[in-house]
Amino acid sequence: MAFFELLRQISAEATNTVIGLVRNTSATEARVIKELGQRSNIHILHGDLDNHESLKKTATIAGGNLDYLIANAGYISYWDSYDPMGKLGQDHERVELELSKLYTTNIAGNISLYTLFMPLILKGRVKKIVAISSSLSDLDSINRLGVQISPLYAIVKAGLSIMNAKFSAQYKADGVLFLTICPGMVDVGHYQDPTPEQAASLQGMMAQFKTYAPHFEGPATTERAIKDLISVLERAGIERGDGGDFVSHWGNKRWL
């Protein structure tokens, strides 16, 4: 997902205090000033999912309380973007390398993020935590549509949903909502300059999407996707039975 668009929309409300965790603070701060001006409600701090101590330090600096935590960061393996599991499996060492990196950053890293910021969330008024996932990790969709590509990405995103559900099981009694949201297919430049073979794989997936949702015309803009994400997050609640759930940008199991 687009971190900067998320930052832009949430900080547009002057009463919101927004803390953005990034690996490169100077570059992000420069972009904020250039594109958003001097928004005094934006605070950019250093935080890296691969560096537990950086997250620990940032949680201490942030202090106080936190209403929302959006786990937007993560590592994406472009290596598996166009190929099925059987083809990738022929390179066993690369599979091990990519899965290790994916799980270290996206699962272990977010476990650290949640754990270190939980004291702030528990002091907050709203108490909502959301992880960004993908419909490619939805078991029913995989079986129904037969989408073969991006298998490692899908495996780890499924793990992220389980991680969220396990945190929900622990903290639901404390009033903390954990929700996993798929923002839909978003144009973030992931599929750039494919080879003819890769383009054919991508076209096959798009055709499967079209079969599932005849109205589907292609990826949404980041602006539209973030608006939908925020809308789902604001409506969701433990009292509605949303705790630990995995939903789409529609707030249900309609993925496109």
C-alpha atoms as a PDB file:
ATOM      1  CA  MET A   1       0.000   0.000   0.000  1.00  0.00           C
ATOM      2  CA  ALA A   2       0.983   3.626  -0.464  1.00  0.00           C
ATOM      3  CA  PHE A   3       2.330   4.929   2.841  1.00  0.00           C
ATOM      4  CA  PHE A   4       2.418   8.526   1.686  1.00  0.00           C
ATOM      5  CA  GLU A   5      -1.205   8.595   0.528  1.00  0.00           C
ATOM      6  CA  LEU A   6      -2.233   7.136   3.875  1.00  0.00           C
ATOM      7  CA  LEU A   7      -0.241   9.853   5.612  1.00  0.00           C
ATOM      8  CA  ARG A   8      -1.766  12.552   3.414  1.00  0.00           C
ATOM      9  CA  GLN A   9      -5.391  11.591   3.970  1.00  0.00           C
ATOM     10  CA  ILE A  10      -5.203  10.975   7.716  1.00  0.00           C
ATOM     11  CA  SER A  11      -3.235  14.172   8.397  1.00  0.00           C
ATOM     12  CA  ALA A  12      -5.702  16.253   6.350  1.00  0.00           C
ATOM     13  CA  GLU A  13      -7.810  16.386   9.522  1.00  0.00           C
ATOM     14  CA  ALA A  14      -5.896  18.867  11.666  1.00  0.00           C
ATOM     15  CA  THR A  15      -7.104  17.302  14.917  1.00  0.00           C
ATOM     16  CA  ASN A  16      -5.371  14.016  14.039  1.00  0.00           C
ATOM     17  CA  THR A  17      -1.841  13.555  15.336  1.00  0.00           C
ATOM     18  CA  VAL A  18      -0.117  11.252  12.858  1.00  0.00           C
ATOM     19  CA  ILE A  19       3.097   9.343  13.534  1.00  0.00           C
ATOM     20  CA  GLY A  20       4.761   7.771  10.509  1.00  0.00           C
ATOM     21  CA  LEU A  21       7.425   5.112  11.014  1.00  0.00           C
ATOM     22  CA  VAL A  22       9.931   4.954   8.159  1.00  0.00           C
ATOM     23  CA  ARG A  23      13.443   3.693   7.513  1.00  0.00           C
ATOM     24  CA  ASN A  24      14.569   6.930   5.840  1.00  0.00           C
ATOM     25  CA  THR A  25      13.333   9.851   7.919  1.00  0.00           C
ATOM     26  CA  SER A  26      15.127  12.661   6.070  1.00  0.00           C
ATOM     27  CA  ALA A  27      13.786  11.674   2.638  1.00  0.00           C
ATOM     28  CA  THR A  28      10.250  11.269   3.988  1.00  0.00           C
ATOM     29  CA  GLU A  29      10.333  14.575   5.858  1.00  0.00           C
ATOM     30  CA  ALA A  30      11.541  16.334   2.706  1.00  0.00           C
ATOM     31  CA  ARG A  31       8.690  14.843   0.694  1.00  0.00           C
ATOM     32  CA  VAL A  32       6.143  15.799   3.341  1.00  0.00           C
ATOM     33  CA  ILE A  33       7.283  19.423   3.230  1.00  0.00           C
ATOM     34  CA  LYS A  34       7.367  19.459  -0.570  1.00  0.00           C
ATOM     35  CA  GLU A  35       3.956  17.881  -1.159  1.00  0.00           C
ATOM     36  CA  LEU A  36       1.978  18.602   2.012  1.00  0.00           C
ATOM     37  CA  GLY A  37       3.607  21.728   3.365  1.00  0.00           C
ATOM     38  CA  GLN A  38       4.182  22.340   7.038  1.00  0.00           C
ATOM     39  CA  ARG A  39       1.568  20.074   8.590  1.00  0.00           C
ATOM     40  CA  SER A  40       2.334  20.346  12.272  1.00  0.00           C
ATOM     41  CA  ASN A  41       0.313  17.215  13.063  1.00  0.00           C
ATOM     42  CA  ILE A  42       2.730  14.931  11.168  1.00  0.00           C
ATOM     43  CA  HIS A  43       5.652  13.382  13.028  1.00  0.00           C
ATOM     44  CA  ILE A  44       8.116  11.177  11.136  1.00  0.00           C
ATOM     45  CA  LEU A  45      10.135   8.756  13.269  1.00  0.00           C
ATOM     46  CA  HIS A  46      12.631   6.050  12.431  1.00  0.00           C
ATOM     47  CA  GLY A  47      11.257   2.532  12.600  1.00  0.00           C
ATOM     48  CA  ASP A  48      12.290  -0.635  10.785  1.00  0.00           C
ATOM     49  CA  LEU A  49      10.461  -3.964  11.003  1.00  0.00           C
ATOM     50  CA  ASP A  50      13.828  -5.681  10.658  1.00  0.00           C
ATOM     51  CA  ASN A  51      15.235  -3.803  13.651  1.00  0.00           C
ATOM     52  CA  HIS A  52      13.506  -4.563  16.953  1.00  0.00           C
ATOM     53  CA  GLU A  53      15.515  -1.943  18.833  1.00  0.00           C
ATOM     54  CA  SER A  54      14.452   0.810  16.423  1.00  0.00           C
ATOM     55  CA  LEU A  55      10.789  -0.035  17.060  1.00  0.00           C
ATOM     56  CA  LYS A  56      11.376  -0.178  20.797  1.00  0.00           C
ATOM     57  CA  LYS A  57      13.019   3.243  20.755  1.00  0.00           C
ATOM     58  CA  THR A  58      10.247   4.746  18.636  1.00  0.00           C
ATOM     59  CA  ALA A  59       7.516   3.384  20.908  1.00  0.00           C
ATOM     60  CA  THR A  60       9.283   5.046  23.843  1.00  0.00           C
ATOM     61  CA  ILE A  61       9.576   8.359  21.973  1.00  0.00           C
ATOM     62  CA  ALA A  62       5.921   8.259  20.913  1.00  0.00           C
ATOM     63  CA  GLY A  63       4.791   7.646  24.494  1.00  0.00           C
ATOM     64  CA  GLY A  64       1.302   8.549  25.704  1.00  0.00           C
ATOM     65  CA  ASN A  65      -1.603   6.845  23.991  1.00  0.00           C
ATOM     66  CA  LEU A  66      -2.509   5.705  20.501  1.00  0.00           C
ATOM     67  CA  ASP A  67      -5.947   5.284  18.949  1.00  0.00           C
ATOM     68  CA  TYR A  68      -4.988   3.492  15.725  1.00  0.00           C
ATOM     69  CA  LEU A  69      -2.038   1.402  14.579  1.00  0.00           C
ATOM     70  CA  ILE A  70      -1.860   0.625  10.855  1.00  0.00           C
ATOM     71  CA  ALA A  71       0.663  -2.066   9.925  1.00  0.00           C
ATOM     72  CA  ASN A  72       1.337  -0.927   6.386  1.00  0.00           C
ATOM     73  CA  ALA A  73       5.037  -1.720   5.967  1.00  0.00           C
ATOM     74  CA  GLY A  74       6.432  -4.975   4.684  1.00  0.00           C
ATOM     75  CA  TYR A  75       8.750  -6.796   2.336  1.00  0.00           C
ATOM     76  CA  ILE A  76       7.450  -7.895  -1.069  1.00  0.00           C
ATOM     77  CA  SER A  77       9.270 -10.563  -3.065  1.00  0.00           C
ATOM     78  CA  TYR A  78       9.018  -9.618  -6.724  1.00  0.00           C
ATOM     79  CA  TRP A  79      10.632 -12.939  -7.574  1.00  0.00           C
ATOM     80  CA  ASP A  80       7.333 -14.829  -7.242  1.00  0.00           C
ATOM     81  CA  SER A  81       5.114 -12.218  -8.910  1.00  0.00           C
ATOM     82  CA  TYR A  82       4.479 -14.111 -12.142  1.00  0.00           C
ATOM     83  CA  ASP A  83       5.173 -17.784 -11.456  1.00  0.00           C
ATOM     84  CA  PRO A  84       3.280 -20.707  -9.838  1.00  0.00           C
ATOM     85  CA  MET A  85       4.446 -22.714  -6.851  1.00  0.00           C
ATOM     86  CA  GLY A  86       5.757 -25.677  -8.832  1.00  0.00           C
ATOM     87  CA  LYS A  87       8.053 -23.542 -10.963  1.00  0.00           C
ATOM     88  CA  LEU A  88       9.405 -21.588  -8.009  1.00  0.00           C
ATOM     89  CA  GLY A  89       9.949 -24.809  -6.084  1.00  0.00           C
ATOM     90  CA  GLN A  90      12.582 -25.871  -8.587  1.00  0.00           C
ATOM     91  CA  ASP A  91      14.914 -23.328  -6.981  1.00  0.00           C
ATOM     92  CA  HIS A  92      14.802 -24.623  -3.411  1.00  0.00           C
ATOM     93  CA  GLU A  93      17.503 -22.317  -2.052  1.00  0.00           C
ATOM     94  CA  ARG A  94      15.791 -19.215  -3.433  1.00  0.00           C
ATOM     95  CA  VAL A  95      12.446 -20.315  -1.993  1.00  0.00           C
ATOM     96  CA  GLU A  96      14.044 -20.698   1.435  1.00  0.00           C
ATOM     97  CA  LEU A  97      15.750 -17.313   1.125  1.00  0.00           C
ATOM     98  CA  GLU A  98      12.611 -15.450   0.050  1.00  0.00           C
ATOM     99  CA  LEU A  99      10.316 -17.111   2.598  1.00  0.00           C
ATOM    100  CA  SER A 100      12.815 -16.432   5.372  1.00  0.00           C
ATOM    101  CA  LYS A 101      12.951 -12.750   4.454  1.00  0.00           C
ATOM    102  CA  LEU A 102       9.176 -12.521   4.039  1.00  0.00           C
ATOM    103  CA  TYR A 103       8.458 -14.099   7.419  1.00  0.00           C
ATOM    104  CA  THR A 104      11.214 -12.230   9.257  1.00  0.00           C
ATOM    105  CA  THR A 105       9.974  -8.833   8.103  1.00  0.00           C
ATOM    106  CA  ASN A 106       6.236  -9.289   7.667  1.00  0.00           C
ATOM    107  CA  ILE A 107       5.450 -11.651  10.535  1.00  0.00           C
ATOM    108  CA  ALA A 108       8.191 -11.392  13.167  1.00  0.00           C
ATOM    109  CA  GLY A 109       8.588  -7.677  12.470  1.00  0.00           C
ATOM    110  CA  ASN A 110       4.893  -6.967  12.927  1.00  0.00           C
ATOM    111  CA  ILE A 111       4.759  -9.096  16.070  1.00  0.00           C
ATOM    112  CA  SER A 112       7.422  -6.767  17.485  1.00  0.00           C
ATOM    113  CA  LEU A 113       5.529  -3.696  16.254  1.00  0.00           C
ATOM    114  CA  TYR A 114       2.270  -4.809  17.871  1.00  0.00           C
ATOM    115  CA  THR A 115       3.883  -5.895  21.118  1.00  0.00           C
ATOM    116  CA  LEU A 116       5.895  -2.712  21.602  1.00  0.00           C
ATOM    117  CA  PHE A 117       3.036  -0.356  20.754  1.00  0.00           C
ATOM    118  CA  MET A 118       0.329  -2.301  22.623  1.00  0.00           C
ATOM    119  CA  PRO A 119       0.776  -0.310  25.868  1.00  0.00           C
ATOM    120  CA  LEU A 120       0.008   2.864  23.890  1.00  0.00           C
ATOM    121  CA  ILE A 121      -3.040   1.305  22.214  1.00  0.00           C
ATOM    122  CA  LEU A 122      -4.407   0.089  25.556  1.00  0.00           C
ATOM    123  CA  LYS A 123      -4.297   3.678  26.811  1.00  0.00           C
ATOM    124  CA  GLY A 124      -6.041   4.954  23.691  1.00  0.00           C
ATOM    125  CA  ARG A 125      -9.704   5.756  23.234  1.00  0.00           C
ATOM    126  CA  VAL A 126     -10.412   3.922  19.958  1.00  0.00           C
ATOM    127  CA  LYS A 127      -8.064   0.914  20.238  1.00  0.00           C
ATOM    128  CA  LYS A 128      -7.956  -0.302  16.626  1.00  0.00           C
ATOM    129  CA  ILE A 129      -5.102  -2.139  14.899  1.00  0.00           C
ATOM    130  CA  VAL A 130      -5.192  -3.025  11.212  1.00  0.00           C
ATOM    131  CA  ALA A 131      -2.877  -5.105   9.034  1.00  0.00           C
ATOM    132  CA  ILE A 132      -2.842  -4.729   5.247  1.00  0.00           C
ATOM    133  CA  SER A 133      -3.296  -8.005   3.388  1.00  0.00           C
ATOM    134  CA  SER A 134      -4.390  -9.341  -0.005  1.00  0.00           C
ATOM    135  CA  SER A 135      -7.247 -11.395  -1.410  1.00  0.00           C
ATOM    136  CA  LEU A 136      -4.542 -13.606  -2.936  1.00  0.00           C
ATOM    137  CA  SER A 137      -4.216 -15.110   0.553  1.00  0.00           C
ATOM    138  CA  ASP A 138      -7.916 -15.938   0.882  1.00  0.00           C
ATOM    139  CA  LEU A 139      -8.308 -19.719   0.743  1.00  0.00           C
ATOM    140  CA  ASP A 140     -11.772 -19.684  -0.821  1.00  0.00           C
ATOM    141  CA  SER A 141     -10.630 -17.289  -3.552  1.00  0.00           C
ATOM    142  CA  ILE A 142      -7.575 -19.394  -4.355  1.00  0.00           C
ATOM    143  CA  ASN A 143      -9.691 -22.525  -4.700  1.00  0.00           C
ATOM    144  CA  ARG A 144     -12.480 -20.798  -6.598  1.00  0.00           C
ATOM    145  CA  LEU A 145     -10.406 -18.771  -9.066  1.00  0.00           C
ATOM    146  CA  GLY A 146      -7.273 -20.876  -9.305  1.00  0.00           C
ATOM    147  CA  VAL A 147      -4.893 -17.910  -9.227  1.00  0.00           C
ATOM    148  CA  GLN A 148      -1.425 -19.466  -9.360  1.00  0.00           C
ATOM    149  CA  ILE A 149       1.008 -16.542  -9.262  1.00  0.00           C
ATOM    150  CA  SER A 150       2.514 -14.781  -6.231  1.00  0.00           C
ATOM    151  CA  PRO A 151       2.343 -17.904  -4.031  1.00  0.00           C
ATOM    152  CA  LEU A 152       4.999 -16.875  -1.492  1.00  0.00           C
ATOM    153  CA  TYR A 153       3.351 -13.484  -1.078  1.00  0.00           C
ATOM    154  CA  ALA A 154       0.000 -15.210  -0.534  1.00  0.00           C
ATOM    155  CA  ILE A 155       1.443 -17.659   2.005  1.00  0.00           C
ATOM    156  CA  VAL A 156       2.895 -14.890   4.152  1.00  0.00           C
ATOM    157  CA  LYS A 157      -0.203 -12.694   3.911  1.00  0.00           C
ATOM    158  CA  ALA A 158      -2.242 -15.662   5.144  1.00  0.00           C
ATOM    159  CA  GLY A 159       0.157 -15.896   8.070  1.00  0.00           C
ATOM    160  CA  LEU A 160      -0.396 -12.209   8.777  1.00  0.00           C
ATOM    161  CA  SER A 161      -4.148 -12.800   9.046  1.00  0.00           C
ATOM    162  CA  ILE A 162      -3.561 -15.611  11.544  1.00  0.00           C
ATOM    163  CA  MET A 163      -1.175 -13.403  13.514  1.00  0.00           C
ATOM    164  CA  ASN A 164      -3.836 -10.705  13.723  1.00  0.00           C
ATOM    165  CA  ALA A 165      -6.491 -13.206  14.806  1.00  0.00           C
ATOM    166  CA  LYS A 166      -4.231 -14.548  17.567  1.00  0.00           C
ATOM    167  CA  PHE A 167      -3.601 -11.037  18.891  1.00  0.00           C
ATOM    168  CA  SER A 168      -7.353 -10.448  18.742  1.00  0.00           C
ATOM    169  CA  ALA A 169      -8.009 -13.568  20.806  1.00  0.00           C
ATOM    170  CA  GLN A 170      -5.712 -12.197  23.498  1.00  0.00           C
ATOM    171  CA  TYR A 171      -6.762  -8.546  23.565  1.00  0.00           C
ATOM    172  CA  LYS A 172     -10.444  -8.550  22.571  1.00  0.00           C
ATOM    173  CA  ALA A 173     -11.438  -8.517  26.243  1.00  0.00           C
ATOM    174  CA  ASP A 174      -9.403  -5.311  26.598  1.00  0.00           C
ATOM    175  CA  GLY A 175     -11.452  -3.655  23.869  1.00  0.00           C
ATOM    176  CA  VAL A 176      -8.779  -3.803  21.165  1.00  0.00           C
ATOM    177  CA  LEU A 177     -10.020  -4.440  17.627  1.00  0.00           C
ATOM    178  CA  PHE A 178      -7.620  -6.288  15.326  1.00  0.00           C
ATOM    179  CA  LEU A 179      -8.644  -6.284  11.689  1.00  0.00           C
ATOM    180  CA  THR A 180      -6.946  -7.473   8.505  1.00  0.00           C
ATOM    181  CA  ILE A 181      -8.006  -5.536   5.399  1.00  0.00           C
ATOM    182  CA  CYS A 182      -7.412  -6.179   1.715  1.00  0.00           C
ATOM    183  CA  PRO A 183      -7.501  -2.795  -0.081  1.00  0.00           C
ATOM    184  CA  GLY A 184      -8.336  -4.424  -3.405  1.00  0.00           C
ATOM    185  CA  MET A 185      -6.037  -4.347  -6.402  1.00  0.00           C
ATOM    186  CA  VAL A 186      -4.196  -1.031  -6.230  1.00  0.00           C
ATOM    187  CA  ASP A 187      -1.960   0.637  -8.790  1.00  0.00           C
ATOM    188  CA  VAL A 188       1.336   0.941  -6.905  1.00  0.00           C
ATOM    189  CA  GLY A 189       3.650   0.070  -9.798  1.00  0.00           C
ATOM    190  CA  HIS A 190       4.207  -3.542  -8.767  1.00  0.00           C
ATOM    191  CA  TYR A 191       3.884  -4.999 -12.258  1.00  0.00           C
ATOM    192  CA  GLN A 192       6.242  -2.856 -14.319  1.00  0.00           C
ATOM    193  CA  ASP A 193       7.958  -3.781 -17.589  1.00  0.00           C
ATOM    194  CA  PRO A 194       7.033  -7.484 -17.615  1.00  0.00           C
ATOM    195  CA  THR A 195       8.493  -9.859 -20.168  1.00  0.00           C
ATOM    196  CA  PRO A 196       6.044 -11.335 -22.712  1.00  0.00           C
ATOM    197  CA  GLU A 197       5.824 -14.511 -20.607  1.00  0.00           C
ATOM    198  CA  GLN A 198       5.225 -12.518 -17.423  1.00  0.00           C
ATOM    199  CA  ALA A 199       2.626 -10.366 -19.161  1.00  0.00           C
ATOM    200  CA  ALA A 200       0.774 -13.529 -20.184  1.00  0.00           C
ATOM    201  CA  SER A 201       0.702 -14.703 -16.544  1.00  0.00           C
ATOM    202  CA  LEU A 202      -0.611 -11.325 -15.443  1.00  0.00           C
ATOM    203  CA  GLN A 203      -3.269 -11.297 -18.151  1.00  0.00           C
ATOM    204  CA  GLY A 204      -4.370 -14.742 -17.028  1.00  0.00           C
ATOM    205  CA  MET A 205      -4.866 -13.495 -13.485  1.00  0.00           C
ATOM    206  CA  MET A 206      -6.789 -10.448 -14.696  1.00  0.00           C
ATOM    207  CA  ALA A 207      -9.066 -12.721 -16.729  1.00  0.00           C
ATOM    208  CA  GLN A 208      -9.740 -14.795 -13.611  1.00  0.00           C
ATOM    209  CA  PHE A 209     -10.583 -11.607 -11.716  1.00  0.00           C
ATOM    210  CA  LYS A 210     -12.959 -10.573 -14.501  1.00  0.00           C
ATOM    211  CA  THR A 211     -14.729 -13.925 -14.271  1.00  0.00           C
ATOM    212  CA  TYR A 212     -15.142 -13.446 -10.522  1.00  0.00           C
ATOM    213  CA  ALA A 213     -16.237  -9.795 -10.845  1.00  0.00           C
ATOM    214  CA  PRO A 214     -17.466  -8.828 -14.349  1.00  0.00           C
ATOM    215  CA  HIS A 215     -17.557  -5.162 -13.293  1.00  0.00           C
ATOM    216  CA  PHE A 216     -13.814  -5.173 -12.529  1.00  0.00           C
ATOM    217  CA  GLU A 217     -11.929  -2.728 -14.765  1.00  0.00           C
ATOM    218  CA  GLY A 218      -8.459  -2.850 -13.239  1.00  0.00           C
ATOM    219  CA  PRO A 219      -6.469  -1.504 -10.288  1.00  0.00           C
ATOM    220  CA  ALA A 220      -7.815   1.347  -8.180  1.00  0.00           C
ATOM    221  CA  THR A 221      -5.858   4.528  -7.554  1.00  0.00           C
ATOM    222  CA  THR A 222      -4.062   4.805  -4.230  1.00  0.00           C
ATOM    223  CA  GLU A 223      -6.345   7.708  -3.308  1.00  0.00           C
ATOM    224  CA  ARG A 224      -9.489   5.610  -3.800  1.00  0.00           C
ATOM    225  CA  ALA A 225      -7.983   2.606  -2.024  1.00  0.00           C
ATOM    226  CA  ILE A 226      -6.997   4.591   1.061  1.00  0.00           C
ATOM    227  CA  LYS A 227     -10.425   6.228   1.280  1.00  0.00           C
ATOM    228  CA  ASP A 228     -12.043   2.789   1.220  1.00  0.00           C
ATOM    229  CA  LEU A 229      -9.577   1.454   3.792  1.00  0.00           C
ATOM    230  CA  ILE A 230     -10.249   4.293   6.221  1.00  0.00           C
ATOM    231  CA  SER A 231     -14.006   3.886   5.763  1.00  0.00           C
ATOM    232  CA  VAL A 232     -13.865   0.179   6.627  1.00  0.00           C
ATOM    233  CA  LEU A 233     -11.608   0.819   9.619  1.00  0.00           C
ATOM    234  CA  GLU A 234     -13.858   3.543  11.019  1.00  0.00           C
ATOM    235  CA  ARG A 235     -17.006   1.398  10.715  1.00  0.00           C
ATOM    236  CA  ALA A 236     -15.493  -1.772  12.148  1.00  0.00           C
ATOM    237  CA  GLY A 237     -15.979  -2.700  15.770  1.00  0.00           C
ATOM    238  CA  ILE A 238     -15.754  -5.581  18.205  1.00  0.00           C
ATOM    239  CA  GLU A 239     -19.453  -5.167  18.930  1.00  0.00           C
ATOM    240  CA  ARG A 240     -20.147  -5.881  15.229  1.00  0.00           C
ATOM    241  CA  GLY A 241     -18.230  -9.140  15.428  1.00  0.00           C
ATOM    242  CA  ASP A 242     -15.256  -7.824  13.447  1.00  0.00           C
ATOM    243  CA  GLY A 243     -12.534  -8.822  15.911  1.00  0.00           C
ATOM    244  CA  GLY A 244      -9.761 -10.792  14.196  1.00  0.00           C
ATOM    245  CA  ASP A 245     -11.572 -10.803  10.851  1.00  0.00           C
ATOM    246  CA  PHE A 246     -10.112 -10.538   7.345  1.00  0.00           C
ATOM    247  CA  VAL A 247     -12.222  -8.343   5.060  1.00  0.00           C
ATOM    248  CA  SER A 248     -12.056  -6.486   1.771  1.00  0.00           C
ATOM    249  CA  HIS A 249     -12.191  -2.758   1.038  1.00  0.00           C
ATOM    250  CA  TRP A 250     -15.962  -3.232   1.012  1.00  0.00           C
ATOM    251  CA  GLY A 251     -15.890  -4.484   4.601  1.00  0.00           C
ATOM    252  CA  ASN A 252     -16.929  -8.002   3.595  1.00  0.00           C
ATOM    253  CA  LYS A 253     -15.644 -10.964   1.554  1.00  0.00           C
ATOM    254  CA  ARG A 254     -16.202  -9.287  -1.815  1.00  0.00           C
ATOM    255  CA  TRP A 255     -12.627  -8.823  -2.991  1.00  0.00           C
ATOM    256  CA  LEU A 256     -13.031  -6.823  -6.202  1.00  0.00           C
END
